[in-house]
Amino acid sequence: MLDEAKSAGLKVESHIREAFATSDGAKLHKSRGHVYRLKRPLHRHLEVDNKPTRIHPSLKARYIADDSYRPPRLQSLVEDKGWDKLDVGI
């Protein structure tokens, strides 16, 4: 996202990138808080026709390292296709 901001002409301070180091072991937070918990959840499709299914490496690392992290749609995709059939990359 920072690279896209820079390519759009925005200035990004150098320390910002260091503050956003990724970690597959970072604590997960409930994103459906406040008024959003009253709305129906949005379930996105993980596969789109004629496009590769891209999975971020940190997601795969968390999935493998943490047995309690099993989003139902991702688990189904991994069980059906296997990690080797998914494009794991940024």
N, C-alpha and C. Protein backbone atom coordinates (compact mmCIF):
# COMPACT_ATOMS: atom_id res chain seq x y z
N MET A 1 0.83 -1.17 0.00
CA MET A 1 0.00 0.00 0.00
C MET A 1 0.88 1.25 0.00
N LEU A 2 1.97 1.19 0.76
CA LEU A 2 2.87 2.33 0.78
C LEU A 2 3.49 2.58 -0.59
N ASP A 3 3.85 1.51 -1.28
CA ASP A 3 4.43 1.66 -2.62
C ASP A 3 3.43 2.29 -3.58
N GLU A 4 2.17 1.91 -3.47
CA GLU A 4 1.15 2.48 -4.33
C GLU A 4 0.92 3.95 -3.99
N ALA A 5 1.00 4.30 -2.71
CA ALA A 5 0.86 5.70 -2.32
C ALA A 5 2.00 6.52 -2.91
N LYS A 6 3.22 5.99 -2.84
CA LYS A 6 4.37 6.69 -3.41
C LYS A 6 4.25 6.83 -4.92
N SER A 7 3.78 5.77 -5.60
CA SER A 7 3.64 5.84 -7.05
C SER A 7 2.54 6.82 -7.47
N ALA A 8 1.62 7.11 -6.57
CA ALA A 8 0.56 8.09 -6.84
C ALA A 8 1.03 9.51 -6.54
N GLY A 9 2.28 9.65 -6.09
CA GLY A 9 2.83 10.97 -5.84
C GLY A 9 2.81 11.42 -4.39
N LEU A 10 2.34 10.58 -3.49
CA LEU A 10 2.31 10.96 -2.08
C LEU A 10 3.69 10.75 -1.45
N LYS A 11 4.03 11.60 -0.53
CA LYS A 11 5.30 11.45 0.19
C LYS A 11 5.07 10.55 1.39
N VAL A 12 5.97 9.60 1.58
CA VAL A 12 5.87 8.66 2.70
C VAL A 12 7.15 8.78 3.51
N GLU A 13 7.01 9.08 4.79
CA GLU A 13 8.18 9.20 5.64
C GLU A 13 8.84 7.84 5.81
N SER A 14 10.16 7.81 5.84
CA SER A 14 10.91 6.56 5.83
C SER A 14 10.61 5.67 7.04
N HIS A 15 10.32 6.24 8.19
CA HIS A 15 10.08 5.43 9.39
C HIS A 15 8.75 4.69 9.35
N ILE A 16 7.85 5.10 8.48
CA ILE A 16 6.52 4.48 8.41
C ILE A 16 6.63 3.00 8.02
N ARG A 17 7.43 2.70 7.03
CA ARG A 17 7.56 1.31 6.55
C ARG A 17 8.05 0.40 7.68
N GLU A 18 8.99 0.86 8.48
CA GLU A 18 9.53 0.05 9.57
C GLU A 18 8.47 -0.22 10.64
N ALA A 19 7.54 0.71 10.83
CA ALA A 19 6.50 0.55 11.84
C ALA A 19 5.46 -0.48 11.44
N PHE A 20 5.40 -0.80 10.14
CA PHE A 20 4.40 -1.74 9.65
C PHE A 20 4.99 -3.10 9.32
N ALA A 21 5.96 -3.55 10.07
CA ALA A 21 6.54 -4.87 9.82
C ALA A 21 5.45 -5.92 10.00
N THR A 22 5.36 -6.86 9.05
CA THR A 22 4.32 -7.89 9.13
C THR A 22 4.73 -8.98 10.10
N SER A 23 3.75 -9.56 10.71
CA SER A 23 3.99 -10.67 11.62
C SER A 23 2.81 -11.61 11.56
N ASP A 24 3.07 -12.86 11.20
CA ASP A 24 1.98 -13.83 11.14
C ASP A 24 1.53 -14.23 12.55
N GLY A 25 2.27 -13.81 13.55
CA GLY A 25 1.89 -14.14 14.92
C GLY A 25 1.23 -12.99 15.65
N ALA A 26 0.96 -11.88 14.94
CA ALA A 26 0.34 -10.72 15.58
C ALA A 26 -1.06 -11.08 16.07
N LYS A 27 -1.47 -10.39 17.12
CA LYS A 27 -2.79 -10.64 17.71
C LYS A 27 -3.89 -10.26 16.72
N LEU A 28 -4.89 -11.13 16.58
CA LEU A 28 -6.03 -10.82 15.74
C LEU A 28 -7.05 -10.05 16.57
N HIS A 29 -7.67 -9.08 15.94
CA HIS A 29 -8.68 -8.27 16.60
C HIS A 29 -10.03 -8.49 15.94
N LYS A 30 -11.08 -8.41 16.73
CA LYS A 30 -12.42 -8.52 16.15
C LYS A 30 -12.71 -7.24 15.36
N SER A 31 -12.98 -7.41 14.09
CA SER A 31 -13.22 -6.24 13.24
C SER A 31 -14.69 -5.85 13.21
N ARG A 32 -15.54 -6.68 13.76
CA ARG A 32 -16.98 -6.40 13.74
C ARG A 32 -17.44 -5.86 15.09
N GLY A 33 -16.92 -4.71 15.45
CA GLY A 33 -17.31 -4.11 16.72
C GLY A 33 -18.34 -3.01 16.52
N HIS A 34 -18.77 -2.45 17.59
CA HIS A 34 -19.70 -1.33 17.61
C HIS A 34 -20.95 -1.62 16.77
N VAL A 35 -21.36 -0.68 15.94
CA VAL A 35 -22.60 -0.87 15.17
C VAL A 35 -22.46 -1.95 14.10
N TYR A 36 -21.24 -2.25 13.68
CA TYR A 36 -21.04 -3.23 12.62
C TYR A 36 -21.40 -4.65 13.07
N ARG A 37 -21.40 -4.90 14.36
CA ARG A 37 -21.76 -6.23 14.84
C ARG A 37 -23.23 -6.52 14.60
N LEU A 38 -24.04 -5.49 14.37
CA LEU A 38 -25.46 -5.66 14.12
C LEU A 38 -25.77 -5.98 12.65
N LYS A 39 -24.83 -5.68 11.78
CA LYS A 39 -25.02 -5.96 10.35
C LYS A 39 -24.64 -7.40 10.04
N ARG A 40 -25.22 -7.92 8.97
CA ARG A 40 -24.84 -9.28 8.53
C ARG A 40 -23.39 -9.27 8.06
N PRO A 41 -22.63 -10.32 8.34
CA PRO A 41 -21.25 -10.37 7.88
C PRO A 41 -21.17 -10.40 6.36
N LEU A 42 -20.12 -9.83 5.83
CA LEU A 42 -19.87 -9.87 4.40
C LEU A 42 -18.92 -11.04 4.14
N HIS A 43 -19.38 -12.00 3.37
CA HIS A 43 -18.54 -13.16 3.03
C HIS A 43 -18.07 -12.99 1.59
N ARG A 44 -16.81 -12.67 1.45
CA ARG A 44 -16.24 -12.47 0.12
C ARG A 44 -15.87 -13.81 -0.51
N HIS A 45 -15.99 -13.85 -1.82
CA HIS A 45 -15.55 -15.03 -2.56
C HIS A 45 -14.03 -14.99 -2.66
N LEU A 46 -13.40 -16.10 -2.42
CA LEU A 46 -11.94 -16.15 -2.50
C LEU A 46 -11.47 -16.47 -3.91
N GLU A 47 -12.35 -16.99 -4.72
CA GLU A 47 -11.99 -17.33 -6.09
C GLU A 47 -12.82 -16.49 -7.06
N VAL A 48 -12.15 -15.98 -8.09
CA VAL A 48 -12.82 -15.21 -9.13
C VAL A 48 -12.49 -15.90 -10.45
N ASP A 49 -13.52 -16.07 -11.29
CA ASP A 49 -13.31 -16.74 -12.58
C ASP A 49 -12.20 -16.08 -13.39
N ASN A 50 -11.37 -16.91 -13.99
CA ASN A 50 -10.29 -16.47 -14.89
C ASN A 50 -9.23 -15.61 -14.23
N LYS A 51 -9.13 -15.67 -12.91
CA LYS A 51 -8.08 -14.93 -12.21
C LYS A 51 -7.44 -15.85 -11.18
N PRO A 52 -6.12 -15.72 -10.98
CA PRO A 52 -5.47 -16.56 -9.96
C PRO A 52 -5.91 -16.15 -8.56
N THR A 53 -6.00 -17.12 -7.68
CA THR A 53 -6.33 -16.85 -6.28
C THR A 53 -5.02 -16.57 -5.56
N ARG A 54 -4.83 -15.32 -5.14
CA ARG A 54 -3.59 -14.92 -4.50
C ARG A 54 -3.78 -14.87 -2.99
N ILE A 55 -2.87 -15.50 -2.28
CA ILE A 55 -2.91 -15.56 -0.82
C ILE A 55 -1.61 -14.92 -0.30
N HIS A 56 -1.73 -14.01 0.65
CA HIS A 56 -0.54 -13.35 1.20
C HIS A 56 0.26 -14.36 2.02
N PRO A 57 1.60 -14.33 1.91
CA PRO A 57 2.43 -15.29 2.64
C PRO A 57 2.20 -15.29 4.15
N SER A 58 1.89 -14.12 4.74
CA SER A 58 1.67 -14.07 6.18
C SER A 58 0.40 -14.83 6.56
N LEU A 59 -0.58 -14.86 5.68
CA LEU A 59 -1.82 -15.60 5.95
C LEU A 59 -1.53 -17.10 5.97
N LYS A 60 -0.75 -17.54 5.00
CA LYS A 60 -0.38 -18.96 4.96
C LYS A 60 0.44 -19.33 6.20
N ALA A 61 1.37 -18.47 6.59
CA ALA A 61 2.21 -18.75 7.76
C ALA A 61 1.36 -18.85 9.02
N ARG A 62 0.39 -17.94 9.18
CA ARG A 62 -0.49 -17.99 10.36
C ARG A 62 -1.33 -19.26 10.33
N TYR A 63 -1.86 -19.61 9.17
CA TYR A 63 -2.71 -20.79 9.01
C TYR A 63 -1.95 -22.06 9.42
N ILE A 64 -0.70 -22.14 9.01
CA ILE A 64 0.11 -23.33 9.31
C ILE A 64 0.55 -23.34 10.78
N ALA A 65 0.89 -22.16 11.32
CA ALA A 65 1.42 -22.08 12.69
C ALA A 65 0.34 -22.15 13.77
N ASP A 66 -0.88 -21.73 13.46
CA ASP A 66 -1.93 -21.61 14.47
C ASP A 66 -3.13 -22.47 14.11
N ASP A 67 -3.28 -23.60 14.78
CA ASP A 67 -4.40 -24.52 14.49
C ASP A 67 -5.77 -23.91 14.78
N SER A 68 -5.83 -22.86 15.58
CA SER A 68 -7.12 -22.24 15.89
C SER A 68 -7.53 -21.22 14.83
N TYR A 69 -6.62 -20.87 13.92
CA TYR A 69 -6.92 -19.91 12.86
C TYR A 69 -7.40 -20.67 11.62
N ARG A 70 -8.70 -20.76 11.48
CA ARG A 70 -9.28 -21.48 10.36
C ARG A 70 -10.51 -20.75 9.82
N PRO A 71 -10.33 -19.62 9.12
CA PRO A 71 -11.49 -18.99 8.50
C PRO A 71 -12.17 -20.02 7.59
N PRO A 72 -13.47 -20.22 7.73
CA PRO A 72 -14.14 -21.31 7.01
C PRO A 72 -13.92 -21.31 5.50
N ARG A 73 -13.98 -20.18 4.85
CA ARG A 73 -13.80 -20.15 3.38
C ARG A 73 -12.36 -20.47 2.99
N LEU A 74 -11.42 -19.99 3.77
CA LEU A 74 -10.02 -20.30 3.49
C LEU A 74 -9.74 -21.77 3.74
N GLN A 75 -10.25 -22.31 4.82
CA GLN A 75 -10.05 -23.72 5.13
C GLN A 75 -10.61 -24.59 4.00
N SER A 76 -11.80 -24.26 3.53
CA SER A 76 -12.40 -25.01 2.44
C SER A 76 -11.55 -24.92 1.17
N LEU A 77 -11.04 -23.75 0.87
CA LEU A 77 -10.20 -23.55 -0.31
C LEU A 77 -8.92 -24.37 -0.21
N VAL A 78 -8.29 -24.35 0.95
CA VAL A 78 -7.04 -25.10 1.14
C VAL A 78 -7.30 -26.60 1.07
N GLU A 79 -8.41 -27.06 1.66
CA GLU A 79 -8.73 -28.49 1.61
C GLU A 79 -9.06 -28.94 0.19
N ASP A 80 -9.73 -28.09 -0.58
CA ASP A 80 -10.11 -28.44 -1.96
C ASP A 80 -8.93 -28.40 -2.92
N LYS A 81 -8.11 -27.35 -2.82
CA LYS A 81 -7.05 -27.15 -3.80
C LYS A 81 -5.66 -27.49 -3.28
N GLY A 82 -5.43 -27.26 -1.99
CA GLY A 82 -4.09 -27.43 -1.44
C GLY A 82 -3.27 -26.16 -1.66
N TRP A 83 -2.31 -25.94 -0.79
CA TRP A 83 -1.49 -24.73 -0.89
C TRP A 83 -0.72 -24.66 -2.19
N ASP A 84 -0.31 -25.82 -2.73
CA ASP A 84 0.50 -25.81 -3.94
C ASP A 84 -0.26 -25.28 -5.16
N LYS A 85 -1.59 -25.28 -5.14
CA LYS A 85 -2.39 -24.78 -6.27
C LYS A 85 -2.76 -23.31 -6.09
N LEU A 86 -2.40 -22.71 -4.96
CA LEU A 86 -2.73 -21.31 -4.70
C LEU A 86 -1.49 -20.44 -4.93
N ASP A 87 -1.69 -19.24 -5.40
CA ASP A 87 -0.60 -18.30 -5.63
C ASP A 87 -0.31 -17.59 -4.32
N VAL A 88 0.75 -18.02 -3.63
CA VAL A 88 1.11 -17.41 -2.36
C VAL A 88 2.22 -16.39 -2.64
N GLY A 89 1.86 -15.14 -2.58
CA GLY A 89 2.84 -14.09 -2.85
C GLY A 89 2.21 -12.73 -2.71
N ILE A 90 3.05 -11.75 -2.72
CA ILE A 90 2.58 -10.37 -2.55
C ILE A 90 2.21 -9.80 -3.90
